[in-house]
Amino acid sequence: MKFMMLVCAEDDGSEPDDSENGDESFPWLDDVIARGIRLDGDRLAPTREARTVAVRDGEMLVSDGPFAETKEVICGYDILECDSIEEAVRVAAAHPVAAFGRIEVRPIWK
């Protein structure tokens, strides 16, 4: 089964640290790639670069930033291949952001 893992953390508005661009070892990532669990994933650009789009009565409405006023934002994602949601939750719990943010795990619609 495939799962989407949404990595959420508090948005403090700061720029990402260049050392987080994949030039150094990231043990969680190294592990899930080696085990064949992670199919895809990446960090997301800061929320100030986001746009939210809606169409109402045929008119396109575009607003800057995320769709909700919140300090916690989706900062990355991973697509996992696991045998069950329980396994996907165990994988998510090992992600370093789980210690200070939140990880949402959802099955991908079949």
PDB file of N, CA and C in Angstrom:
ATOM      1  N   MET A   1       0.835  -1.176   0.000  1.00  0.00           N
ATOM      2  CA  MET A   1       0.000   0.000   0.000  1.00  0.00           C
ATOM      3  C   MET A   1       0.885   1.247   0.000  1.00  0.00           C
ATOM      4  N   LYS A   2       0.392   2.289  -0.663  1.00  0.00           N
ATOM      5  CA  LYS A   2       1.121   3.548  -0.686  1.00  0.00           C
ATOM      6  C   LYS A   2       0.497   4.522   0.305  1.00  0.00           C
ATOM      7  N   PHE A   3       1.372   5.297   0.949  1.00  0.00           N
ATOM      8  CA  PHE A   3       0.954   6.278   1.941  1.00  0.00           C
ATOM      9  C   PHE A   3       1.640   7.604   1.669  1.00  0.00           C
ATOM     10  N   MET A   4       0.912   8.690   1.929  1.00  0.00           N
ATOM     11  CA  MET A   4       1.483  10.027   1.891  1.00  0.00           C
ATOM     12  C   MET A   4       1.800  10.402   3.322  1.00  0.00           C
ATOM     13  N   MET A   5       3.019  10.820   3.545  1.00  0.00           N
ATOM     14  CA  MET A   5       3.437  11.281   4.853  1.00  0.00           C
ATOM     15  C   MET A   5       3.662  12.783   4.758  1.00  0.00           C
ATOM     16  N   LEU A   6       2.846  13.571   5.460  1.00  0.00           N
ATOM     17  CA  LEU A   6       2.970  15.024   5.458  1.00  0.00           C
ATOM     18  C   LEU A   6       3.751  15.436   6.703  1.00  0.00           C
ATOM     19  N   VAL A   7       4.871  16.101   6.485  1.00  0.00           N
ATOM     20  CA  VAL A   7       5.748  16.518   7.576  1.00  0.00           C
ATOM     21  C   VAL A   7       5.370  17.949   7.940  1.00  0.00           C
ATOM     22  N   CYS A   8       4.925  18.171   9.171  1.00  0.00           N
ATOM     23  CA  CYS A   8       4.439  19.478   9.606  1.00  0.00           C
ATOM     24  C   CYS A   8       5.275  19.991  10.774  1.00  0.00           C
ATOM     25  N   ALA A   9       5.632  21.261  10.693  1.00  0.00           N
ATOM     26  CA  ALA A   9       6.399  21.895  11.766  1.00  0.00           C
ATOM     27  C   ALA A   9       5.985  23.343  11.860  1.00  0.00           C
ATOM     28  N   GLU A  10       6.350  23.973  12.959  1.00  0.00           N
ATOM     29  CA  GLU A  10       6.021  25.382  13.143  1.00  0.00           C
ATOM     30  C   GLU A  10       6.793  26.215  12.138  1.00  0.00           C
ATOM     31  N   ASP A  11       6.095  27.154  11.511  1.00  0.00           N
ATOM     32  CA  ASP A  11       6.697  28.040  10.517  1.00  0.00           C
ATOM     33  C   ASP A  11       7.168  29.298  11.221  1.00  0.00           C
ATOM     34  N   ASP A  12       8.495  29.437  11.332  1.00  0.00           N
ATOM     35  CA  ASP A  12       9.020  30.630  11.998  1.00  0.00           C
ATOM     36  C   ASP A  12       9.425  31.708  11.000  1.00  0.00           C
ATOM     37  N   GLY A  13       9.202  31.462   9.702  1.00  0.00           N
ATOM     38  CA  GLY A  13       9.485  32.447   8.670  1.00  0.00           C
ATOM     39  C   GLY A  13      10.943  32.541   8.266  1.00  0.00           C
ATOM     40  N   SER A  14      11.799  31.743   8.868  1.00  0.00           N
ATOM     41  CA  SER A  14      13.228  31.831   8.540  1.00  0.00           C
ATOM     42  C   SER A  14      13.547  31.017   7.291  1.00  0.00           C
ATOM     43  N   GLU A  15      14.672  31.332   6.707  1.00  0.00           N
ATOM     44  CA  GLU A  15      15.148  30.601   5.537  1.00  0.00           C
ATOM     45  C   GLU A  15      15.624  29.216   5.958  1.00  0.00           C
ATOM     46  N   PRO A  16      15.463  28.194   5.107  1.00  0.00           N
ATOM     47  CA  PRO A  16      16.011  26.880   5.429  1.00  0.00           C
ATOM     48  C   PRO A  16      17.529  26.952   5.495  1.00  0.00           C
ATOM     49  N   ASP A  17      18.106  26.171   6.379  1.00  0.00           N
ATOM     50  CA  ASP A  17      19.554  26.086   6.511  1.00  0.00           C
ATOM     51  C   ASP A  17      20.111  25.336   5.307  1.00  0.00           C
ATOM     52  N   ASP A  18      21.141  25.901   4.642  1.00  0.00           N
ATOM     53  CA  ASP A  18      21.728  25.256   3.461  1.00  0.00           C
ATOM     54  C   ASP A  18      22.259  23.870   3.754  1.00  0.00           C
ATOM     55  N   SER A  19      22.628  23.601   5.030  1.00  0.00           N
ATOM     56  CA  SER A  19      23.129  22.271   5.366  1.00  0.00           C
ATOM     57  C   SER A  19      22.031  21.229   5.278  1.00  0.00           C
ATOM     58  N   GLU A  20      20.766  21.661   5.190  1.00  0.00           N
ATOM     59  CA  GLU A  20      19.638  20.734   5.096  1.00  0.00           C
ATOM     60  C   GLU A  20      19.301  20.386   3.653  1.00  0.00           C
ATOM     61  N   ASN A  21      20.130  20.752   2.706  1.00  0.00           N
ATOM     62  CA  ASN A  21      19.837  20.524   1.297  1.00  0.00           C
ATOM     63  C   ASN A  21      20.261  19.152   0.794  1.00  0.00           C
ATOM     64  N   GLY A  22      20.609  18.244   1.704  1.00  0.00           N
ATOM     65  CA  GLY A  22      20.931  16.897   1.276  1.00  0.00           C
ATOM     66  C   GLY A  22      22.419  16.652   1.118  1.00  0.00           C
ATOM     67  N   ASP A  23      23.271  17.614   1.489  1.00  0.00           N
ATOM     68  CA  ASP A  23      24.707  17.430   1.353  1.00  0.00           C
ATOM     69  C   ASP A  23      25.301  16.613   2.492  1.00  0.00           C
ATOM     70  N   GLU A  24      24.531  16.392   3.535  1.00  0.00           N
ATOM     71  CA  GLU A  24      25.034  15.615   4.656  1.00  0.00           C
ATOM     72  C   GLU A  24      24.088  14.453   4.920  1.00  0.00           C
ATOM     73  N   SER A  25      24.522  13.512   5.727  1.00  0.00           N
ATOM     74  CA  SER A  25      23.739  12.322   6.022  1.00  0.00           C
ATOM     75  C   SER A  25      22.490  12.666   6.825  1.00  0.00           C
ATOM     76  N   PHE A  26      21.412  12.022   6.504  1.00  0.00           N
ATOM     77  CA  PHE A  26      20.138  12.154   7.205  1.00  0.00           C
ATOM     78  C   PHE A  26      19.739  10.717   7.526  1.00  0.00           C
ATOM     79  N   PRO A  27      20.053  10.212   8.726  1.00  0.00           N
ATOM     80  CA  PRO A  27      19.890   8.778   9.034  1.00  0.00           C
ATOM     81  C   PRO A  27      18.502   8.220   8.737  1.00  0.00           C
ATOM     82  N   TRP A  28      17.418   8.953   9.078  1.00  0.00           N
ATOM     83  CA  TRP A  28      16.078   8.434   8.795  1.00  0.00           C
ATOM     84  C   TRP A  28      15.913   8.198   7.302  1.00  0.00           C
ATOM     85  N   LEU A  29      16.321   9.179   6.502  1.00  0.00           N
ATOM     86  CA  LEU A  29      16.196   9.083   5.052  1.00  0.00           C
ATOM     87  C   LEU A  29      17.059   7.962   4.500  1.00  0.00           C
ATOM     88  N   ASP A  30      18.290   7.879   4.962  1.00  0.00           N
ATOM     89  CA  ASP A  30      19.184   6.807   4.525  1.00  0.00           C
ATOM     90  C   ASP A  30      18.557   5.439   4.784  1.00  0.00           C
ATOM     91  N   ASP A  31      17.929   5.285   5.976  1.00  0.00           N
ATOM     92  CA  ASP A  31      17.322   4.014   6.363  1.00  0.00           C
ATOM     93  C   ASP A  31      16.131   3.652   5.484  1.00  0.00           C
ATOM     94  N   VAL A  32      15.177   4.591   5.292  1.00  0.00           N
ATOM     95  CA  VAL A  32      13.976   4.234   4.534  1.00  0.00           C
ATOM     96  C   VAL A  32      14.265   4.039   3.054  1.00  0.00           C
ATOM     97  N   ILE A  33      15.289   4.707   2.535  1.00  0.00           N
ATOM     98  CA  ILE A  33      15.696   4.458   1.149  1.00  0.00           C
ATOM     99  C   ILE A  33      16.319   3.075   1.043  1.00  0.00           C
ATOM    100  N   ALA A  34      17.205   2.740   1.962  1.00  0.00           N
ATOM    101  CA  ALA A  34      17.873   1.427   1.941  1.00  0.00           C
ATOM    102  C   ALA A  34      16.873   0.287   2.076  1.00  0.00           C
ATOM    103  N   ARG A  35      15.806   0.501   2.840  1.00  0.00           N
ATOM    104  CA  ARG A  35      14.783  -0.535   3.035  1.00  0.00           C
ATOM    105  C   ARG A  35      13.748  -0.562   1.917  1.00  0.00           C
ATOM    106  N   GLY A  36      13.831   0.364   0.959  1.00  0.00           N
ATOM    107  CA  GLY A  36      12.888   0.398  -0.159  1.00  0.00           C
ATOM    108  C   GLY A  36      11.508   0.887   0.219  1.00  0.00           C
ATOM    109  N   ILE A  37      11.386   1.589   1.347  1.00  0.00           N
ATOM    110  CA  ILE A  37      10.088   2.065   1.828  1.00  0.00           C
ATOM    111  C   ILE A  37       9.726   3.394   1.190  1.00  0.00           C
ATOM    112  N   ARG A  38      10.687   4.301   1.060  1.00  0.00           N
ATOM    113  CA  ARG A  38      10.418   5.650   0.539  1.00  0.00           C
ATOM    114  C   ARG A  38      10.487   5.643  -0.979  1.00  0.00           C
ATOM    115  N   LEU A  39       9.388   6.011  -1.620  1.00  0.00           N
ATOM    116  CA  LEU A  39       9.320   6.043  -3.074  1.00  0.00           C
ATOM    117  C   LEU A  39       9.666   7.420  -3.622  1.00  0.00           C
ATOM    118  N   ASP A  40       9.325   8.475  -2.858  1.00  0.00           N
ATOM    119  CA  ASP A  40       9.567   9.846  -3.303  1.00  0.00           C
ATOM    120  C   ASP A  40       9.404  10.755  -2.099  1.00  0.00           C
ATOM    121  N   GLY A  41       9.862  11.975  -2.214  1.00  0.00           N
ATOM    122  CA  GLY A  41       9.662  12.950  -1.155  1.00  0.00           C
ATOM    123  C   GLY A  41      10.625  14.102  -1.306  1.00  0.00           C
ATOM    124  N   ASP A  42      10.327  15.187  -0.606  1.00  0.00           N
ATOM    125  CA  ASP A  42      11.198  16.355  -0.641  1.00  0.00           C
ATOM    126  C   ASP A  42      10.704  17.366   0.374  1.00  0.00           C
ATOM    127  N   ARG A  43      11.538  18.357   0.628  1.00  0.00           N
ATOM    128  CA  ARG A  43      11.124  19.496   1.427  1.00  0.00           C
ATOM    129  C   ARG A  43      10.321  20.429   0.534  1.00  0.00           C
ATOM    130  N   LEU A  44       9.525  21.276   1.140  1.00  0.00           N
ATOM    131  CA  LEU A  44       8.769  22.272   0.392  1.00  0.00           C
ATOM    132  C   LEU A  44       9.373  23.648   0.627  1.00  0.00           C
ATOM    133  N   ALA A  45       9.197  24.540  -0.355  1.00  0.00           N
ATOM    134  CA  ALA A  45       9.674  25.917  -0.232  1.00  0.00           C
ATOM    135  C   ALA A  45       8.916  26.597   0.905  1.00  0.00           C
ATOM    136  N   PRO A  46       9.440  27.711   1.424  1.00  0.00           N
ATOM    137  CA  PRO A  46       8.751  28.431   2.505  1.00  0.00           C
ATOM    138  C   PRO A  46       7.334  28.848   2.107  1.00  0.00           C
ATOM    139  N   THR A  47       6.459  28.980   3.102  1.00  0.00           N
ATOM    140  CA  THR A  47       5.060  29.302   2.840  1.00  0.00           C
ATOM    141  C   THR A  47       4.889  30.649   2.139  1.00  0.00           C
ATOM    142  N   ARG A  48       5.835  31.559   2.306  1.00  0.00           N
ATOM    143  CA  ARG A  48       5.707  32.869   1.640  1.00  0.00           C
ATOM    144  C   ARG A  48       5.778  32.727   0.116  1.00  0.00           C
ATOM    145  N   GLU A  49       6.246  31.583  -0.373  1.00  0.00           N
ATOM    146  CA  GLU A  49       6.294  31.339  -1.813  1.00  0.00           C
ATOM    147  C   GLU A  49       5.056  30.588  -2.305  1.00  0.00           C
ATOM    148  N   ALA A  50       4.166  30.214  -1.394  1.00  0.00           N
ATOM    149  CA  ALA A  50       2.976  29.437  -1.748  1.00  0.00           C
ATOM    150  C   ALA A  50       1.853  30.336  -2.256  1.00  0.00           C
ATOM    151  N   ARG A  51       0.970  29.752  -3.019  1.00  0.00           N
ATOM    152  CA  ARG A  51      -0.268  30.400  -3.451  1.00  0.00           C
ATOM    153  C   ARG A  51      -1.390  29.391  -3.231  1.00  0.00           C
ATOM    154  N   THR A  52      -2.520  29.898  -2.798  1.00  0.00           N
ATOM    155  CA  THR A  52      -3.705  29.066  -2.648  1.00  0.00           C
ATOM    156  C   THR A  52      -4.701  29.493  -3.722  1.00  0.00           C
ATOM    157  N   VAL A  53      -5.240  28.506  -4.434  1.00  0.00           N
ATOM    158  CA  VAL A  53      -6.107  28.774  -5.577  1.00  0.00           C
ATOM    159  C   VAL A  53      -7.496  28.185  -5.309  1.00  0.00           C
ATOM    160  N   ALA A  54      -8.507  28.953  -5.626  1.00  0.00           N
ATOM    161  CA  ALA A  54      -9.894  28.494  -5.557  1.00  0.00           C
ATOM    162  C   ALA A  54     -10.641  29.105  -6.733  1.00  0.00           C
ATOM    163  N   VAL A  55     -11.689  28.439  -7.169  1.00  0.00           N
ATOM    164  CA  VAL A  55     -12.558  28.991  -8.212  1.00  0.00           C
ATOM    165  C   VAL A  55     -13.964  29.040  -7.637  1.00  0.00           C
ATOM    166  N   ARG A  56     -14.544  30.246  -7.633  1.00  0.00           N
ATOM    167  CA  ARG A  56     -15.893  30.448  -7.114  1.00  0.00           C
ATOM    168  C   ARG A  56     -16.689  31.229  -8.150  1.00  0.00           C
ATOM    169  N   ASP A  57     -17.823  30.676  -8.527  1.00  0.00           N
ATOM    170  CA  ASP A  57     -18.691  31.308  -9.535  1.00  0.00           C
ATOM    171  C   ASP A  57     -17.907  31.624 -10.803  1.00  0.00           C
ATOM    172  N   GLY A  58     -17.019  30.717 -11.200  1.00  0.00           N
ATOM    173  CA  GLY A  58     -16.243  30.872 -12.420  1.00  0.00           C
ATOM    174  C   GLY A  58     -15.068  31.829 -12.307  1.00  0.00           C
ATOM    175  N   GLU A  59     -14.863  32.427 -11.154  1.00  0.00           N
ATOM    176  CA  GLU A  59     -13.771  33.376 -10.980  1.00  0.00           C
ATOM    177  C   GLU A  59     -12.630  32.725 -10.196  1.00  0.00           C
ATOM    178  N   MET A  60     -11.397  32.871 -10.727  1.00  0.00           N
ATOM    179  CA  MET A  60     -10.229  32.332 -10.049  1.00  0.00           C
ATOM    180  C   MET A  60      -9.808  33.285  -8.941  1.00  0.00           C
ATOM    181  N   LEU A  61      -9.679  32.745  -7.733  1.00  0.00           N
ATOM    182  CA  LEU A  61      -9.244  33.513  -6.579  1.00  0.00           C
ATOM    183  C   LEU A  61      -7.888  32.973  -6.144  1.00  0.00           C
ATOM    184  N   VAL A  62      -6.900  33.836  -6.054  1.00  0.00           N
ATOM    185  CA  VAL A  62      -5.552  33.425  -5.668  1.00  0.00           C
ATOM    186  C   VAL A  62      -5.133  34.254  -4.464  1.00  0.00           C
ATOM    187  N   SER A  63      -4.667  33.571  -3.434  1.00  0.00           N
ATOM    188  CA  SER A  63      -4.159  34.283  -2.260  1.00  0.00           C
ATOM    189  C   SER A  63      -2.745  33.818  -1.971  1.00  0.00           C
ATOM    190  N   ASP A  64      -1.970  34.673  -1.347  1.00  0.00           N
ATOM    191  CA  ASP A  64      -0.603  34.334  -0.977  1.00  0.00           C
ATOM    192  C   ASP A  64      -0.611  33.419   0.232  1.00  0.00           C
ATOM    193  N   GLY A  65       0.352  32.503   0.259  1.00  0.00           N
ATOM    194  CA  GLY A  65       0.561  31.676   1.434  1.00  0.00           C
ATOM    195  C   GLY A  65      -0.347  30.482   1.526  1.00  0.00           C
ATOM    196  N   PRO A  66      -0.274  29.823   2.682  1.00  0.00           N
ATOM    197  CA  PRO A  66      -1.083  28.609   2.885  1.00  0.00           C
ATOM    198  C   PRO A  66      -2.559  28.950   3.063  1.00  0.00           C
ATOM    199  N   PHE A  67      -3.391  27.926   2.974  1.00  0.00           N
ATOM    200  CA  PHE A  67      -4.834  28.108   3.006  1.00  0.00           C
ATOM    201  C   PHE A  67      -5.378  28.451   4.385  1.00  0.00           C
ATOM    202  N   ALA A  68      -4.603  28.249   5.431  1.00  0.00           N
ATOM    203  CA  ALA A  68      -5.101  28.505   6.784  1.00  0.00           C
ATOM    204  C   ALA A  68      -4.096  29.350   7.560  1.00  0.00           C
ATOM    205  N   GLU A  69      -4.630  30.159   8.445  1.00  0.00           N
ATOM    206  CA  GLU A  69      -3.766  30.948   9.324  1.00  0.00           C
ATOM    207  C   GLU A  69      -3.365  30.053  10.486  1.00  0.00           C
ATOM    208  N   THR A  70      -2.136  29.592  10.463  1.00  0.00           N
ATOM    209  CA  THR A  70      -1.634  28.706  11.502  1.00  0.00           C
ATOM    210  C   THR A  70      -0.133  28.836  11.569  1.00  0.00           C
ATOM    211  N   LYS A  71       0.430  28.526  12.692  1.00  0.00           N
ATOM    212  CA  LYS A  71       1.886  28.566  12.822  1.00  0.00           C
ATOM    213  C   LYS A  71       2.505  27.274  12.310  1.00  0.00           C
ATOM    214  N   GLU A  72       1.722  26.199  12.293  1.00  0.00           N
ATOM    215  CA  GLU A  72       2.229  24.919  11.837  1.00  0.00           C
ATOM    216  C   GLU A  72       1.875  24.729  10.366  1.00  0.00           C
ATOM    217  N   VAL A  73       2.870  24.398   9.557  1.00  0.00           N
ATOM    218  CA  VAL A  73       2.674  24.249   8.121  1.00  0.00           C
ATOM    219  C   VAL A  73       3.272  22.933   7.645  1.00  0.00           C
ATOM    220  N   ILE A  74       2.848  22.502   6.468  1.00  0.00           N
ATOM    221  CA  ILE A  74       3.444  21.333   5.835  1.00  0.00           C
ATOM    222  C   ILE A  74       4.779  21.780   5.260  1.00  0.00           C
ATOM    223  N   CYS A  75       5.857  21.181   5.728  1.00  0.00           N
ATOM    224  CA  CYS A  75       7.190  21.593   5.270  1.00  0.00           C
ATOM    225  C   CYS A  75       7.845  20.538   4.386  1.00  0.00           C
ATOM    226  N   GLY A  76       7.207  19.396   4.227  1.00  0.00           N
ATOM    227  CA  GLY A  76       7.752  18.360   3.360  1.00  0.00           C
ATOM    228  C   GLY A  76       6.788  17.200   3.250  1.00  0.00           C
ATOM    229  N   TYR A  77       7.148  16.262   2.394  1.00  0.00           N
ATOM    230  CA  TYR A  77       6.299  15.096   2.190  1.00  0.00           C
ATOM    231  C   TYR A  77       7.162  13.900   1.808  1.00  0.00           C
ATOM    232  N   ASP A  78       6.617  12.736   2.018  1.00  0.00           N
ATOM    233  CA  ASP A  78       7.237  11.491   1.562  1.00  0.00           C
ATOM    234  C   ASP A  78       6.137  10.561   1.107  1.00  0.00           C
ATOM    235  N   ILE A  79       6.407   9.810   0.067  1.00  0.00           N
ATOM    236  CA  ILE A  79       5.516   8.743  -0.382  1.00  0.00           C
ATOM    237  C   ILE A  79       6.161   7.437   0.067  1.00  0.00           C
ATOM    238  N   LEU A  80       5.413   6.674   0.845  1.00  0.00           N
ATOM    239  CA  LEU A  80       5.923   5.434   1.406  1.00  0.00           C
ATOM    240  C   LEU A  80       5.199   4.237   0.807  1.00  0.00           C
ATOM    241  N   GLU A  81       5.884   3.130   0.734  1.00  0.00           N
ATOM    242  CA  GLU A  81       5.292   1.846   0.356  1.00  0.00           C
ATOM    243  C   GLU A  81       5.435   0.944   1.570  1.00  0.00           C
ATOM    244  N   CYS A  82       4.305   0.666   2.232  1.00  0.00           N
ATOM    245  CA  CYS A  82       4.309  -0.147   3.447  1.00  0.00           C
ATOM    246  C   CYS A  82       3.208  -1.186   3.354  1.00  0.00           C
ATOM    247  N   ASP A  83       3.326  -2.229   4.164  1.00  0.00           N
ATOM    248  CA  ASP A  83       2.322  -3.289   4.160  1.00  0.00           C
ATOM    249  C   ASP A  83       1.025  -2.881   4.853  1.00  0.00           C
ATOM    250  N   SER A  84       1.107  -1.899   5.752  1.00  0.00           N
ATOM    251  CA  SER A  84      -0.078  -1.496   6.511  1.00  0.00           C
ATOM    252  C   SER A  84       0.091  -0.071   7.015  1.00  0.00           C
ATOM    253  N   ILE A  85      -1.017   0.508   7.468  1.00  0.00           N
ATOM    254  CA  ILE A  85      -0.935   1.841   8.066  1.00  0.00           C
ATOM    255  C   ILE A  85      -0.111   1.797   9.342  1.00  0.00           C
ATOM    256  N   GLU A  86      -0.174   0.689  10.057  1.00  0.00           N
ATOM    257  CA  GLU A  86       0.610   0.558  11.286  1.00  0.00           C
ATOM    258  C   GLU A  86       2.108   0.640  10.986  1.00  0.00           C
ATOM    259  N   GLU A  87       2.546  -0.001   9.917  1.00  0.00           N
ATOM    260  CA  GLU A  87       3.951   0.079   9.531  1.00  0.00           C
ATOM    261  C   GLU A  87       4.298   1.510   9.111  1.00  0.00           C
ATOM    262  N   ALA A  88       3.433   2.164   8.345  1.00  0.00           N
ATOM    263  CA  ALA A  88       3.681   3.542   7.923  1.00  0.00           C
ATOM    264  C   ALA A  88       3.768   4.476   9.127  1.00  0.00           C
ATOM    265  N   VAL A  89       2.950   4.247  10.138  1.00  0.00           N
ATOM    266  CA  VAL A  89       2.992   5.059  11.355  1.00  0.00           C
ATOM    267  C   VAL A  89       4.315   4.847  12.088  1.00  0.00           C
ATOM    268  N   ARG A  90       4.796   3.620  12.141  1.00  0.00           N
ATOM    269  CA  ARG A  90       6.102   3.356  12.785  1.00  0.00           C
ATOM    270  C   ARG A  90       7.224   4.070  12.041  1.00  0.00           C
ATOM    271  N   VAL A  91       7.165   4.064  10.717  1.00  0.00           N
ATOM    272  CA  VAL A  91       8.169   4.772   9.912  1.00  0.00           C
ATOM    273  C   VAL A  91       8.094   6.267  10.199  1.00  0.00           C
ATOM    274  N   ALA A  92       6.884   6.813  10.241  1.00  0.00           N
ATOM    275  CA  ALA A  92       6.707   8.243  10.507  1.00  0.00           C
ATOM    276  C   ALA A  92       7.196   8.617  11.899  1.00  0.00           C
ATOM    277  N   ALA A  93       6.962   7.762  12.869  1.00  0.00           N
ATOM    278  CA  ALA A  93       7.377   8.047  14.245  1.00  0.00           C
ATOM    279  C   ALA A  93       8.898   8.149  14.378  1.00  0.00           C
ATOM    280  N   ALA A  94       9.625   7.511  13.487  1.00  0.00           N
ATOM    281  CA  ALA A  94      11.089   7.552  13.523  1.00  0.00           C
ATOM    282  C   ALA A  94      11.648   8.806  12.845  1.00  0.00           C
ATOM    283  N   HIS A  95      10.802   9.560  12.124  1.00  0.00           N
ATOM    284  CA  HIS A  95      11.268  10.776  11.448  1.00  0.00           C
ATOM    285  C   HIS A  95      11.648  11.813  12.500  1.00  0.00           C
ATOM    286  N   PRO A  96      12.765  12.519  12.332  1.00  0.00           N
ATOM    287  CA  PRO A  96      13.201  13.468  13.360  1.00  0.00           C
ATOM    288  C   PRO A  96      12.205  14.597  13.647  1.00  0.00           C
ATOM    289  N   VAL A  97      11.408  15.007  12.678  1.00  0.00           N
ATOM    290  CA  VAL A  97      10.441  16.087  12.917  1.00  0.00           C
ATOM    291  C   VAL A  97       9.331  15.638  13.865  1.00  0.00           C
ATOM    292  N   ALA A  98       9.097  14.340  13.969  1.00  0.00           N
ATOM    293  CA  ALA A  98       8.064  13.839  14.882  1.00  0.00           C
ATOM    294  C   ALA A  98       8.362  14.229  16.328  1.00  0.00           C
ATOM    295  N   ALA A  99       9.617  14.515  16.658  1.00  0.00           N
ATOM    296  CA  ALA A  99       9.995  14.871  18.021  1.00  0.00           C
ATOM    297  C   ALA A  99       9.584  16.297  18.393  1.00  0.00           C
ATOM    298  N   PHE A 100       9.349  17.176  17.394  1.00  0.00           N
ATOM    299  CA  PHE A 100       8.966  18.556  17.720  1.00  0.00           C
ATOM    300  C   PHE A 100       7.822  19.079  16.861  1.00  0.00           C
ATOM    301  N   GLY A 101       7.466  18.368  15.811  1.00  0.00           N
ATOM    302  CA  GLY A 101       6.359  18.751  14.942  1.00  0.00           C
ATOM    303  C   GLY A 101       5.320  17.652  14.919  1.00  0.00           C
ATOM    304  N   ARG A 102       4.716  17.475  13.756  1.00  0.00           N
ATOM    305  CA  ARG A 102       3.713  16.415  13.575  1.00  0.00           C
ATOM    306  C   ARG A 102       3.929  15.770  12.218  1.00  0.00           C
ATOM    307  N   ILE A 103       3.590  14.506  12.150  1.00  0.00           N
ATOM    308  CA  ILE A 103       3.627  13.772  10.891  1.00  0.00           C
ATOM    309  C   ILE A 103       2.225  13.209  10.664  1.00  0.00           C
ATOM    310  N   GLU A 104       1.627  13.571   9.543  1.00  0.00           N
ATOM    311  CA  GLU A 104       0.322  13.009   9.185  1.00  0.00           C
ATOM    312  C   GLU A 104       0.559  11.909   8.166  1.00  0.00           C
ATOM    313  N   VAL A 105      -0.025  10.745   8.397  1.00  0.00           N
ATOM    314  CA  VAL A 105       0.112   9.604   7.493  1.00  0.00           C
ATOM    315  C   VAL A 105      -1.268   9.274   6.951  1.00  0.00           C
ATOM    316  N   ARG A 106      -1.376   9.264   5.615  1.00  0.00           N
ATOM    317  CA  ARG A 106      -2.667   8.973   4.991  1.00  0.00           C
ATOM    318  C   ARG A 106      -2.480   7.987   3.851  1.00  0.00           C
ATOM    319  N   PRO A 107      -3.359   6.990   3.758  1.00  0.00           N
ATOM    320  CA  PRO A 107      -3.321   6.098   2.600  1.00  0.00           C
ATOM    321  C   PRO A 107      -3.632   6.890   1.343  1.00  0.00           C
ATOM    322  N   ILE A 108      -2.980   6.534   0.250  1.00  0.00           N
ATOM    323  CA  ILE A 108      -3.291   7.156  -1.033  1.00  0.00           C
ATOM    324  C   ILE A 108      -4.512   6.451  -1.605  1.00  0.00           C
ATOM    325  N   TRP A 109      -5.459   7.239  -2.045  1.00  0.00           N
ATOM    326  CA  TRP A 109      -6.723   6.728  -2.573  1.00  0.00           C
ATOM    327  C   TRP A 109      -6.455   5.779  -3.726  1.00  0.00           C
ATOM    328  N   LYS A 110      -7.124   4.659  -3.707  1.00  0.00           N
ATOM    329  CA  LYS A 110      -6.947   3.665  -4.764  1.00  0.00           C
ATOM    330  C   LYS A 110      -7.896   3.927  -5.888  1.00  0.00           C
TER     331      LYS A 110
END
